[in-house]
C-alpha atoms as a PDB file:
ATOM      1  CA  MET A   1      30.928 -23.052 -25.011  1.00  0.00           C
ATOM      2  CA  PRO A   2      27.028 -22.421 -24.796  1.00  0.00           C
ATOM      3  CA  ASP A   3      25.215 -19.244 -25.873  1.00  0.00           C
ATOM      4  CA  ILE A   4      22.483 -19.513 -23.361  1.00  0.00           C
ATOM      5  CA  VAL A   5      22.893 -21.174 -19.968  1.00  0.00           C
ATOM      6  CA  VAL A   6      19.694 -21.987 -17.965  1.00  0.00           C
ATOM      7  CA  THR A   7      20.425 -22.825 -14.354  1.00  0.00           C
ATOM      8  CA  GLU A   8      16.703 -23.338 -12.980  1.00  0.00           C
ATOM      9  CA  PHE A   9      13.673 -25.623 -14.265  1.00  0.00           C
ATOM     10  CA  MET A  10      12.040 -24.375 -17.381  1.00  0.00           C
ATOM     11  CA  ASP A  11       9.760 -25.950 -19.958  1.00  0.00           C
ATOM     12  CA  GLU A  12      11.276 -28.391 -22.445  1.00  0.00           C
ATOM     13  CA  ALA A  13       9.174 -26.939 -25.232  1.00  0.00           C
ATOM     14  CA  ALA A  14      10.283 -23.398 -24.902  1.00  0.00           C
ATOM     15  CA  LEU A  15      13.890 -25.066 -24.456  1.00  0.00           C
ATOM     16  CA  ASP A  16      13.611 -26.828 -27.724  1.00  0.00           C
ATOM     17  CA  ALA A  17      12.612 -23.446 -29.258  1.00  0.00           C
ATOM     18  CA  LEU A  18      15.834 -21.975 -28.215  1.00  0.00           C
ATOM     19  CA  ARG A  19      17.848 -25.049 -29.019  1.00  0.00           C
ATOM     20  CA  ALA A  20      16.657 -24.430 -32.696  1.00  0.00           C
ATOM     21  CA  ARG A  21      18.864 -21.554 -33.289  1.00  0.00           C
ATOM     22  CA  HIS A  22      21.468 -21.619 -30.305  1.00  0.00           C
ATOM     23  CA  ARG A  23      23.968 -23.555 -28.093  1.00  0.00           C
ATOM     24  CA  VAL A  24      22.129 -23.945 -24.855  1.00  0.00           C
ATOM     25  CA  HIS A  25      23.319 -25.651 -21.742  1.00  0.00           C
ATOM     26  CA  TYR A  26      20.277 -26.791 -19.199  1.00  0.00           C
ATOM     27  CA  ASP A  27      20.960 -28.016 -16.193  1.00  0.00           C
ATOM     28  CA  PRO A  28      18.671 -27.057 -13.174  1.00  0.00           C
ATOM     29  CA  ALA A  29      21.431 -28.333 -10.657  1.00  0.00           C
ATOM     30  CA  LEU A  30      23.793 -25.167 -11.608  1.00  0.00           C
ATOM     31  CA  VAL A  31      21.706 -23.063  -8.904  1.00  0.00           C
ATOM     32  CA  ASP A  32      23.459 -24.923  -5.982  1.00  0.00           C
ATOM     33  CA  ALA A  33      26.658 -25.316  -7.787  1.00  0.00           C
ATOM     34  CA  PRO A  34      28.137 -22.126  -8.867  1.00  0.00           C
ATOM     35  CA  GLU A  35      31.774 -23.195  -9.245  1.00  0.00           C
ATOM     36  CA  ALA A  36      30.792 -25.218 -12.396  1.00  0.00           C
ATOM     37  CA  LEU A  37      28.262 -22.273 -13.367  1.00  0.00           C
ATOM     38  CA  VAL A  38      30.664 -19.433 -13.624  1.00  0.00           C
ATOM     39  CA  PRO A  39      33.257 -21.385 -16.180  1.00  0.00           C
ATOM     40  CA  LEU A  40      29.917 -21.977 -18.324  1.00  0.00           C
ATOM     41  CA  LEU A  41      29.023 -18.205 -18.534  1.00  0.00           C
ATOM     42  CA  ALA A  42      32.903 -17.345 -19.841  1.00  0.00           C
ATOM     43  CA  GLY A  43      31.248 -17.425 -23.249  1.00  0.00           C
ATOM     44  CA  ALA A  44      27.471 -17.111 -22.820  1.00  0.00           C
ATOM     45  CA  ARG A  45      25.432 -14.520 -24.206  1.00  0.00           C
ATOM     46  CA  ALA A  46      22.283 -15.315 -22.276  1.00  0.00           C
ATOM     47  CA  LEU A  47      21.523 -16.734 -18.805  1.00  0.00           C
ATOM     48  CA  ILE A  48      17.820 -17.708 -17.604  1.00  0.00           C
ATOM     49  CA  VAL A  49      17.285 -18.074 -14.125  1.00  0.00           C
ATOM     50  CA  ARG A  50      14.183 -18.736 -11.555  1.00  0.00           C
ATOM     51  CA  ASN A  51      14.469 -16.685  -8.076  1.00  0.00           C
ATOM     52  CA  ARG A  52      17.621 -18.539  -6.526  1.00  0.00           C
ATOM     53  CA  THR A  53      20.358 -17.905  -8.887  1.00  0.00           C
ATOM     54  CA  GLN A  54      22.245 -14.914  -7.465  1.00  0.00           C
ATOM     55  CA  VAL A  55      23.054 -12.789 -10.759  1.00  0.00           C
ATOM     56  CA  ARG A  56      25.545 -10.468  -9.288  1.00  0.00           C
ATOM     57  CA  GLY A  57      28.714  -9.665  -8.362  1.00  0.00           C
ATOM     58  CA  ALA A  58      31.451 -12.396  -9.174  1.00  0.00           C
ATOM     59  CA  LEU A  59      28.761 -14.256 -11.673  1.00  0.00           C
ATOM     60  CA  LEU A  60      28.390 -10.877 -13.804  1.00  0.00           C
ATOM     61  CA  ALA A  61      31.981 -10.540 -13.453  1.00  0.00           C
ATOM     62  CA  GLY A  62      32.744 -13.702 -15.149  1.00  0.00           C
ATOM     63  CA  ALA A  63      30.092 -13.315 -17.798  1.00  0.00           C
ATOM     64  CA  PRO A  64      31.872 -10.594 -19.897  1.00  0.00           C
ATOM     65  CA  ARG A  65      29.848 -11.691 -23.218  1.00  0.00           C
ATOM     66  CA  LEU A  66      26.492 -11.647 -21.174  1.00  0.00           C
ATOM     67  CA  GLU A  67      23.975  -9.606 -23.468  1.00  0.00           C
ATOM     68  CA  VAL A  68      20.221 -10.533 -21.662  1.00  0.00           C
ATOM     69  CA  VAL A  69      19.108 -12.088 -18.494  1.00  0.00           C
ATOM     70  CA  GLY A  70      15.914 -14.249 -18.549  1.00  0.00           C
ATOM     71  CA  ARG A  71      14.027 -14.444 -15.466  1.00  0.00           C
ATOM     72  CA  LEU A  72      11.303 -17.253 -15.284  1.00  0.00           C
ATOM     73  CA  GLY A  73       8.937 -15.126 -12.962  1.00  0.00           C
ATOM     74  CA  VAL A  74       8.393 -11.523 -12.037  1.00  0.00           C
ATOM     75  CA  GLY A  75      10.504 -10.627  -9.103  1.00  0.00           C
ATOM     76  CA  LEU A  76      13.871  -8.887  -9.632  1.00  0.00           C
ATOM     77  CA  ASP A  77      15.474  -9.418  -6.068  1.00  0.00           C
ATOM     78  CA  ASN A  78      18.005 -11.992  -7.247  1.00  0.00           C
ATOM     79  CA  ILE A  79      19.324  -9.943 -10.302  1.00  0.00           C
ATOM     80  CA  ASP A  80      21.545  -6.773  -9.670  1.00  0.00           C
ATOM     81  CA  VAL A  81      19.457  -4.769 -12.192  1.00  0.00           C
ATOM     82  CA  GLU A  82      21.958  -1.575 -11.959  1.00  0.00           C
ATOM     83  CA  ALA A  83      24.985  -3.760 -12.684  1.00  0.00           C
ATOM     84  CA  CYS A  84      23.185  -5.124 -15.659  1.00  0.00           C
ATOM     85  CA  ARG A  85      21.734  -1.949 -16.820  1.00  0.00           C
ATOM     86  CA  ALA A  86      25.335  -0.518 -16.501  1.00  0.00           C
ATOM     87  CA  ARG A  87      26.577  -2.909 -18.992  1.00  0.00           C
ATOM     88  CA  GLY A  88      23.752  -2.805 -21.292  1.00  0.00           C
ATOM     89  CA  ILE A  89      22.629  -6.450 -20.337  1.00  0.00           C
ATOM     90  CA  ALA A  90      18.735  -6.766 -21.030  1.00  0.00           C
ATOM     91  CA  VAL A  91      16.769  -8.193 -18.036  1.00  0.00           C
ATOM     92  CA  CYS A  92      13.674 -10.114 -19.273  1.00  0.00           C
ATOM     93  CA  PRO A  93      10.884 -10.832 -16.680  1.00  0.00           C
ATOM     94  CA  ALA A  94       7.801 -13.005 -17.512  1.00  0.00           C
ATOM     95  CA  THR A  95       5.737 -10.285 -16.618  1.00  0.00           C
ATOM     96  CA  GLY A  96       1.987 -11.384 -16.181  1.00  0.00           C
ATOM     97  CA  ALA A  97       2.510 -14.839 -17.018  1.00  0.00           C
ATOM     98  CA  ASN A  98       1.942 -16.396 -13.650  1.00  0.00           C
ATOM     99  CA  ASP A  99      -0.674 -13.934 -12.191  1.00  0.00           C
ATOM    100  CA  LEU A 100      -3.649 -16.415 -12.335  1.00  0.00           C
ATOM    101  CA  ALA A 101      -1.445 -19.078 -10.463  1.00  0.00           C
ATOM    102  CA  VAL A 102      -0.605 -17.088  -7.774  1.00  0.00           C
ATOM    103  CA  ALA A 103      -3.943 -15.343  -7.508  1.00  0.00           C
ATOM    104  CA  GLU A 104      -6.011 -19.121  -7.050  1.00  0.00           C
ATOM    105  CA  TYR A 105      -2.858 -20.011  -4.258  1.00  0.00           C
ATOM    106  CA  VAL A 106      -3.870 -16.615  -2.585  1.00  0.00           C
ATOM    107  CA  ILE A 107      -7.724 -17.827  -3.010  1.00  0.00           C
ATOM    108  CA  CYS A 108      -6.855 -21.392  -1.781  1.00  0.00           C
ATOM    109  CA  GLY A 109      -4.896 -20.353   1.201  1.00  0.00           C
ATOM    110  CA  VAL A 110      -7.145 -17.880   2.217  1.00  0.00           C
ATOM    111  CA  MET A 111     -10.214 -20.505   2.212  1.00  0.00           C
ATOM    112  CA  MET A 112      -8.037 -23.173   3.607  1.00  0.00           C
ATOM    113  CA  LEU A 113      -7.136 -20.819   6.460  1.00  0.00           C
ATOM    114  CA  LEU A 114     -10.615 -19.635   7.209  1.00  0.00           C
ATOM    115  CA  ARG A 115     -12.120 -22.875   7.412  1.00  0.00           C
ATOM    116  CA  GLY A 116      -9.497 -24.428   9.826  1.00  0.00           C
ATOM    117  CA  ALA A 117      -9.964 -28.087   9.245  1.00  0.00           C
ATOM    118  CA  TYR A 118      -7.139 -29.256   7.242  1.00  0.00           C
ATOM    119  CA  HIS A 119      -4.624 -30.007   9.978  1.00  0.00           C
ATOM    120  CA  ALA A 120      -6.643 -33.163  11.239  1.00  0.00           C
ATOM    121  CA  SER A 121      -5.846 -35.926   8.803  1.00  0.00           C
ATOM    122  CA  ALA A 122      -3.492 -37.765  11.243  1.00  0.00           C
ATOM    123  CA  GLU A 123      -5.952 -37.064  14.181  1.00  0.00           C
ATOM    124  CA  VAL A 124      -9.037 -38.080  11.939  1.00  0.00           C
ATOM    125  CA  ALA A 125      -7.179 -41.533  11.018  1.00  0.00           C
ATOM    126  CA  ALA A 126      -6.272 -42.449  14.354  1.00  0.00           C
ATOM    127  CA  GLY A 127     -10.106 -42.423  15.312  1.00  0.00           C
ATOM    128  CA  GLY A 128     -10.272 -38.863  16.428  1.00  0.00           C
ATOM    129  CA  TRP A 129     -13.782 -37.020  15.367  1.00  0.00           C
ATOM    130  CA  PRO A 130     -13.015 -33.258  16.138  1.00  0.00           C
ATOM    131  CA  ARG A 131     -16.300 -31.753  14.739  1.00  0.00           C
ATOM    132  CA  THR A 132     -17.133 -29.252  16.749  1.00  0.00           C
ATOM    133  CA  ARG A 133     -13.398 -27.808  17.429  1.00  0.00           C
ATOM    134  CA  LEU A 134     -13.164 -27.652  13.822  1.00  0.00           C
ATOM    135  CA  MET A 135     -16.023 -25.942  13.024  1.00  0.00           C
ATOM    136  CA  GLY A 136     -14.685 -23.407  10.314  1.00  0.00           C
ATOM    137  CA  ARG A 137     -15.862 -20.190   8.876  1.00  0.00           C
ATOM    138  CA  GLU A 138     -17.296 -19.657   5.437  1.00  0.00           C
ATOM    139  CA  THR A 139     -15.449 -17.231   2.797  1.00  0.00           C
ATOM    140  CA  SER A 140     -18.433 -15.488   1.558  1.00  0.00           C
ATOM    141  CA  GLY A 141     -19.071 -12.588   3.852  1.00  0.00           C
ATOM    142  CA  ARG A 142     -15.616 -12.130   4.598  1.00  0.00           C
ATOM    143  CA  THR A 143     -13.266  -9.399   3.930  1.00  0.00           C
ATOM    144  CA  LEU A 144     -10.382  -9.489   2.329  1.00  0.00           C
ATOM    145  CA  GLY A 145      -7.326  -7.113   2.565  1.00  0.00           C
ATOM    146  CA  LEU A 146      -4.578  -6.600  -0.293  1.00  0.00           C
ATOM    147  CA  VAL A 147      -1.559  -5.126   0.760  1.00  0.00           C
ATOM    148  CA  GLY A 148      -0.256  -3.741  -2.625  1.00  0.00           C
ATOM    149  CA  PHE A 149      -2.847  -3.593  -5.765  1.00  0.00           C
ATOM    150  CA  GLY A 150      -0.826  -4.678  -9.050  1.00  0.00           C
ATOM    151  CA  ALA A 151      -1.896  -7.275 -11.391  1.00  0.00           C
ATOM    152  CA  ILE A 152      -1.660 -10.213  -9.299  1.00  0.00           C
ATOM    153  CA  ALA A 153      -3.438  -8.717  -6.451  1.00  0.00           C
ATOM    154  CA  ARG A 154      -6.318  -7.497  -9.117  1.00  0.00           C
ATOM    155  CA  GLN A 155      -6.692 -10.946 -10.152  1.00  0.00           C
ATOM    156  CA  THR A 156      -7.184 -12.153  -6.666  1.00  0.00           C
ATOM    157  CA  ALA A 157      -9.739  -9.161  -5.976  1.00  0.00           C
ATOM    158  CA  ARG A 158     -11.879 -10.724  -9.044  1.00  0.00           C
ATOM    159  CA  ARG A 159     -11.892 -14.167  -7.599  1.00  0.00           C
ATOM    160  CA  ALA A 160     -12.455 -12.870  -3.733  1.00  0.00           C
ATOM    161  CA  ALA A 161     -15.806 -11.085  -5.118  1.00  0.00           C
ATOM    162  CA  ALA A 162     -16.844 -13.966  -6.910  1.00  0.00           C
ATOM    163  CA  LEU A 163     -16.915 -15.795  -3.491  1.00  0.00           C
ATOM    164  CA  GLY A 164     -19.051 -13.186  -2.098  1.00  0.00           C
ATOM    165  CA  MET A 165     -16.054 -11.387  -0.602  1.00  0.00           C
ATOM    166  CA  GLU A 166     -15.712  -7.881   0.751  1.00  0.00           C
ATOM    167  CA  VAL A 167     -12.531  -6.169  -1.008  1.00  0.00           C
ATOM    168  CA  VAL A 168     -10.368  -3.605   0.604  1.00  0.00           C
ATOM    169  CA  ALA A 169      -7.005  -2.617  -0.946  1.00  0.00           C
ATOM    170  CA  TYR A 170      -3.778  -0.371   0.190  1.00  0.00           C
ATOM    171  CA  ASP A 171      -1.650   0.831  -2.103  1.00  0.00           C
ATOM    172  CA  PRO A 172       0.618   3.840  -1.622  1.00  0.00           C
ATOM    173  CA  PHE A 173       1.296   4.394  -5.262  1.00  0.00           C
ATOM    174  CA  LEU A 174      -2.212   4.493  -6.551  1.00  0.00           C
ATOM    175  CA  ALA A 175      -4.286   7.516  -5.660  1.00  0.00           C
ATOM    176  CA  GLU A 176      -7.897   6.622  -3.768  1.00  0.00           C
ATOM    177  CA  THR A 177      -9.559   7.564  -6.989  1.00  0.00           C
ATOM    178  CA  ASP A 178      -7.831   5.404  -9.231  1.00  0.00           C
ATOM    179  CA  PRO A 179     -10.159   3.792 -11.743  1.00  0.00           C
ATOM    180  CA  ALA A 180      -8.673   0.402 -10.847  1.00  0.00           C
ATOM    181  CA  PHE A 181     -10.349   0.177  -7.288  1.00  0.00           C
ATOM    182  CA  ALA A 182     -14.197   0.649  -8.581  1.00  0.00           C
ATOM    183  CA  ALA A 183     -13.583  -1.357 -11.777  1.00  0.00           C
ATOM    184  CA  LEU A 184     -13.060  -4.344  -9.003  1.00  0.00           C
ATOM    185  CA  GLY A 185     -15.225  -3.142  -6.552  1.00  0.00           C
ATOM    186  CA  ALA A 186     -12.201  -2.604  -4.159  1.00  0.00           C
ATOM    187  CA  ARG A 187     -12.453  -0.025  -1.433  1.00  0.00           C
ATOM    188  CA  PRO A 188      -9.148   1.724  -0.768  1.00  0.00           C
ATOM    189  CA  LEU A 189      -7.617   2.255   2.946  1.00  0.00           C
ATOM    190  CA  PRO A 190      -4.959   2.894   4.543  1.00  0.00           C
ATOM    191  CA  LEU A 191      -2.927   0.183   6.180  1.00  0.00           C
ATOM    192  CA  ASP A 192      -3.745   0.439   9.687  1.00  0.00           C
ATOM    193  CA  ALA A 193      -7.207   0.352   8.537  1.00  0.00           C
ATOM    194  CA  LEU A 194      -7.189  -2.495   6.220  1.00  0.00           C
ATOM    195  CA  LEU A 195      -5.320  -4.843   9.018  1.00  0.00           C
ATOM    196  CA  ALA A 196      -7.763  -3.864  11.576  1.00  0.00           C
ATOM    197  CA  CYS A 197     -11.082  -4.778   9.362  1.00  0.00           C
ATOM    198  CA  SER A 198      -9.840  -7.511   7.421  1.00  0.00           C
ATOM    199  CA  ASP A 199     -10.644 -11.634   8.333  1.00  0.00           C
ATOM    200  CA  ALA A 200      -7.991 -12.314   5.799  1.00  0.00           C
ATOM    201  CA  VAL A 201      -5.118 -10.329   4.501  1.00  0.00           C
ATOM    202  CA  SER A 202      -2.949 -11.233   1.246  1.00  0.00           C
ATOM    203  CA  LEU A 203       0.535  -9.576   0.879  1.00  0.00           C
ATOM    204  CA  HIS A 204       1.201  -8.088  -3.148  1.00  0.00           C
ATOM    205  CA  VAL A 205       4.113  -5.949  -2.595  1.00  0.00           C
ATOM    206  CA  PRO A 206       7.894  -6.157  -3.517  1.00  0.00           C
ATOM    207  CA  LEU A 207      10.892  -6.300  -1.148  1.00  0.00           C
ATOM    208  CA  THR A 208      12.620  -2.890  -1.107  1.00  0.00           C
ATOM    209  CA  VAL A 209      13.693  -0.619   1.892  1.00  0.00           C
ATOM    210  CA  ALA A 210      10.337   0.326   2.701  1.00  0.00           C
ATOM    211  CA  THR A 211       8.424  -3.103   2.748  1.00  0.00           C
ATOM    212  CA  ARG A 212      11.039  -4.968   4.656  1.00  0.00           C
ATOM    213  CA  GLY A 213       9.411  -6.207   8.017  1.00  0.00           C
ATOM    214  CA  LEU A 214       6.131  -4.376   7.106  1.00  0.00           C
ATOM    215  CA  ILE A 215       4.023  -7.064   8.541  1.00  0.00           C
ATOM    216  CA  GLY A 216       6.065  -6.884  11.875  1.00  0.00           C
ATOM    217  CA  ALA A 217       4.956  -7.154  15.528  1.00  0.00           C
ATOM    218  CA  ASP A 218       3.028  -3.805  15.414  1.00  0.00           C
ATOM    219  CA  ALA A 219       0.968  -4.758  12.172  1.00  0.00           C
ATOM    220  CA  LEU A 220       0.302  -8.084  13.398  1.00  0.00           C
ATOM    221  CA  ALA A 221      -1.070  -6.481  16.684  1.00  0.00           C
ATOM    222  CA  ARG A 222      -3.479  -4.617  14.810  1.00  0.00           C
ATOM    223  CA  MET A 223      -4.951  -7.420  13.198  1.00  0.00           C
ATOM    224  CA  ARG A 224      -7.666  -9.524  14.435  1.00  0.00           C
ATOM    225  CA  PRO A 225      -7.035 -12.245  16.507  1.00  0.00           C
ATOM    226  CA  ASP A 226      -9.602 -14.128  14.272  1.00  0.00           C
ATOM    227  CA  ALA A 227      -7.942 -12.976  11.074  1.00  0.00           C
ATOM    228  CA  VAL A 228      -5.178 -14.967   8.475  1.00  0.00           C
ATOM    229  CA  LEU A 229      -2.447 -14.007   6.859  1.00  0.00           C
ATOM    230  CA  VAL A 230      -1.130 -15.284   3.372  1.00  0.00           C
ATOM    231  CA  ASN A 231       2.300 -14.081   1.831  1.00  0.00           C
ATOM    232  CA  ALA A 232       3.067 -15.170  -1.716  1.00  0.00           C
ATOM    233  CA  ALA A 233       4.708 -11.883  -2.378  1.00  0.00           C
ATOM    234  CA  ARG A 234       8.372 -12.119  -0.878  1.00  0.00           C
ATOM    235  CA  GLY A 235      10.213 -12.961   2.120  1.00  0.00           C
ATOM    236  CA  GLY A 236      11.491 -10.296   4.383  1.00  0.00           C
ATOM    237  CA  VAL A 237       7.931  -8.349   4.048  1.00  0.00           C
ATOM    238  CA  VAL A 238       6.978 -10.734   7.219  1.00  0.00           C
ATOM    239  CA  ASP A 239       8.746 -10.785  10.447  1.00  0.00           C
ATOM    240  CA  ASP A 240       8.598 -14.570  10.915  1.00  0.00           C
ATOM    241  CA  ALA A 241       9.879 -14.610  14.625  1.00  0.00           C
ATOM    242  CA  ALA A 242       6.794 -11.921  15.154  1.00  0.00           C
ATOM    243  CA  LEU A 243       4.390 -14.026  12.947  1.00  0.00           C
ATOM    244  CA  ALA A 244       5.374 -17.230  14.819  1.00  0.00           C
ATOM    245  CA  ALA A 245       5.040 -15.659  18.335  1.00  0.00           C
ATOM    246  CA  ALA A 246       1.433 -14.198  17.311  1.00  0.00           C
ATOM    247  CA  LEU A 247       0.344 -17.572  16.049  1.00  0.00           C
ATOM    248  CA  THR A 248       1.973 -19.437  18.986  1.00  0.00           C
ATOM    249  CA  GLU A 249      -0.079 -16.881  21.652  1.00  0.00           C
ATOM    250  CA  GLY A 250      -3.246 -17.191  19.500  1.00  0.00           C
ATOM    251  CA  ARG A 251      -3.162 -13.677  18.463  1.00  0.00           C
ATOM    252  CA  LEU A 252      -3.569 -14.901  15.139  1.00  0.00           C
ATOM    253  CA  ALA A 253      -5.736 -17.780  13.440  1.00  0.00           C
ATOM    254  CA  GLY A 254      -3.312 -18.581  10.913  1.00  0.00           C
ATOM    255  CA  ALA A 255      -1.058 -18.045   8.433  1.00  0.00           C
ATOM    256  CA  MET A 256       0.400 -19.502   4.828  1.00  0.00           C
ATOM    257  CA  LEU A 257       4.162 -18.686   3.618  1.00  0.00           C
ATOM    258  CA  ASP A 258       5.354 -19.380   0.615  1.00  0.00           C
ATOM    259  CA  VAL A 259       8.216 -16.983   0.386  1.00  0.00           C
ATOM    260  CA  PHE A 260      11.109 -16.540   2.941  1.00  0.00           C
ATOM    261  CA  GLU A 261      13.905 -14.577   3.105  1.00  0.00           C
ATOM    262  CA  ALA A 262      16.842 -17.536   3.057  1.00  0.00           C
ATOM    263  CA  GLU A 263      15.365 -20.089   0.759  1.00  0.00           C
ATOM    264  CA  PRO A 264      15.531 -22.885   1.438  1.00  0.00           C
ATOM    265  CA  LEU A 265      14.734 -22.386   4.978  1.00  0.00           C
ATOM    266  CA  PRO A 266      17.708 -23.373   6.963  1.00  0.00           C
ATOM    267  CA  GLY A 267      15.688 -25.356   9.407  1.00  0.00           C
ATOM    268  CA  GLY A 268      15.380 -24.970  13.226  1.00  0.00           C
ATOM    269  CA  GLY A 269      14.218 -21.295  12.713  1.00  0.00           C
ATOM    270  CA  PRO A 270      11.200 -19.796  14.100  1.00  0.00           C
ATOM    271  CA  LEU A 271       8.931 -20.991  11.793  1.00  0.00           C
ATOM    272  CA  GLN A 272       9.202 -24.502  12.712  1.00  0.00           C
ATOM    273  CA  GLY A 273       6.707 -26.428  14.954  1.00  0.00           C
ATOM    274  CA  VAL A 274       4.560 -23.121  14.593  1.00  0.00           C
ATOM    275  CA  PRO A 275       0.488 -24.118  15.037  1.00  0.00           C
ATOM    276  CA  ASN A 276      -2.055 -23.323  12.225  1.00  0.00           C
ATOM    277  CA  LEU A 277       0.901 -22.305   9.863  1.00  0.00           C
ATOM    278  CA  ILE A 278       1.221 -23.767   6.600  1.00  0.00           C
ATOM    279  CA  LEU A 279       4.687 -23.476   4.253  1.00  0.00           C
ATOM    280  CA  THR A 280       5.383 -24.080   0.810  1.00  0.00           C
ATOM    281  CA  PRO A 281       8.387 -23.890  -1.160  1.00  0.00           C
ATOM    282  CA  HIS A 282       7.994 -20.919  -3.286  1.00  0.00           C
ATOM    283  CA  ILE A 283       5.399 -22.449  -5.601  1.00  0.00           C
ATOM    284  CA  ALA A 284       2.517 -20.142  -5.766  1.00  0.00           C
ATOM    285  CA  GLY A 285       3.372 -18.912  -8.899  1.00  0.00           C
ATOM    286  CA  VAL A 286       4.483 -22.514 -10.242  1.00  0.00           C
ATOM    287  CA  THR A 287       2.039 -24.681 -11.709  1.00  0.00           C
ATOM    288  CA  VAL A 288       1.991 -26.887 -14.931  1.00  0.00           C
ATOM    289  CA  GLU A 289       0.464 -24.402 -16.865  1.00  0.00           C
ATOM    290  CA  SER A 290       2.059 -21.015 -15.711  1.00  0.00           C
ATOM    291  CA  ASN A 291       5.584 -22.767 -16.580  1.00  0.00           C
ATOM    292  CA  VAL A 292       5.030 -22.945 -19.809  1.00  0.00           C
ATOM    293  CA  ARG A 293       3.524 -19.885 -20.206  1.00  0.00           C
ATOM    294  CA  VAL A 294       6.404 -18.400 -18.059  1.00  0.00           C
ATOM    295  CA  SER A 295       9.047 -20.436 -20.328  1.00  0.00           C
ATOM    296  CA  ALA A 296       7.565 -19.309 -23.536  1.00  0.00           C
ATOM    297  CA  ALA A 297       7.564 -15.725 -22.774  1.00  0.00           C
ATOM    298  CA  VAL A 298      11.103 -16.000 -21.688  1.00  0.00           C
ATOM    299  CA  ALA A 299      12.489 -17.554 -24.744  1.00  0.00           C
ATOM    300  CA  GLU A 300      11.115 -15.288 -26.733  1.00  0.00           C
ATOM    301  CA  ALA A 301      12.164 -12.301 -24.949  1.00  0.00           C
ATOM    302  CA  VAL A 302      15.675 -13.914 -24.737  1.00  0.00           C
ATOM    303  CA  ALA A 303      15.794 -15.055 -28.722  1.00  0.00           C
ATOM    304  CA  ARG A 304      14.306 -11.623 -29.693  1.00  0.00           C
ATOM    305  CA  VAL A 305      17.281  -9.474 -27.525  1.00  0.00           C
ATOM    306  CA  LEU A 306      20.066 -12.160 -28.988  1.00  0.00           C
ATOM    307  CA  GLN A 307      18.902 -11.462 -32.565  1.00  0.00           C
ATOM    308  CA  GLU A 308      18.580  -7.836 -31.968  1.00  0.00           C
ATOM    309  CA  LYS A 309      21.988  -7.469 -30.721  1.00  0.00           C
ATOM    310  CA  ALA A 310      23.876  -9.653 -33.444  1.00  0.00           C
ATOM    311  CA  ALA A 311      22.075  -7.144 -35.903  1.00  0.00           C
END
């Protein structure tokens, strides 16, 4: 039986580091095969996952020897942290290891959406030449609103400022006098004011009771019709149906979503066929480089916990 089970993709060098000291079962297809996963966990001391493996309920019950869960990323929505804590199971996310990748994704999305020229490949290939219609906007001089001002938002703010953007930010857990705002040249604002003044809004909040549906019909109505929205935080923070209606009716200029409440999307939902909408498969934090950093950080943390608990 394996000591460590890995259910989603992980860098090979990090896996080799774990294999040097432990029996490792690595199969990224396990995320979609719970019937095969549960028997493997009967004797496992460690489980390493990304965001799709649901570490709760029956899975935890079927892993009586589990000592640590490594999360190849930062969000813990898919892990029952309280149940793990009650059993003394350590939970180790890769905090900070993919901040840069997400910040670059957000800036790329903002620039693409403001420019508005990147949906025309088929038309141009067919002989169309829509230069006047596709005259977009420059990023410099525009206002970027950051909803949440944690580590990834701060990395995003640095890059936005370098492009000549004004940065405004909302974070209910930070006082307006918090030095982080001044250090990054960001102006703190209430959420409604931020939505009203921003050319681009990027979300950087976890999914909680307070943030579920935060960007719904009311919030979208407060945004300018020429504004754009990027969500690389968590699905469920945006009301997909309300967003689809705003884009279809021309009440919002564009949006880019990397996260969804159900992943993969079931198909045929409200986001299908919506204009000026870019969808990506929860990839903002995953680059070749960040995968190496994330995998190495989690492998090190898991190995450390196993060593401590064996002592």
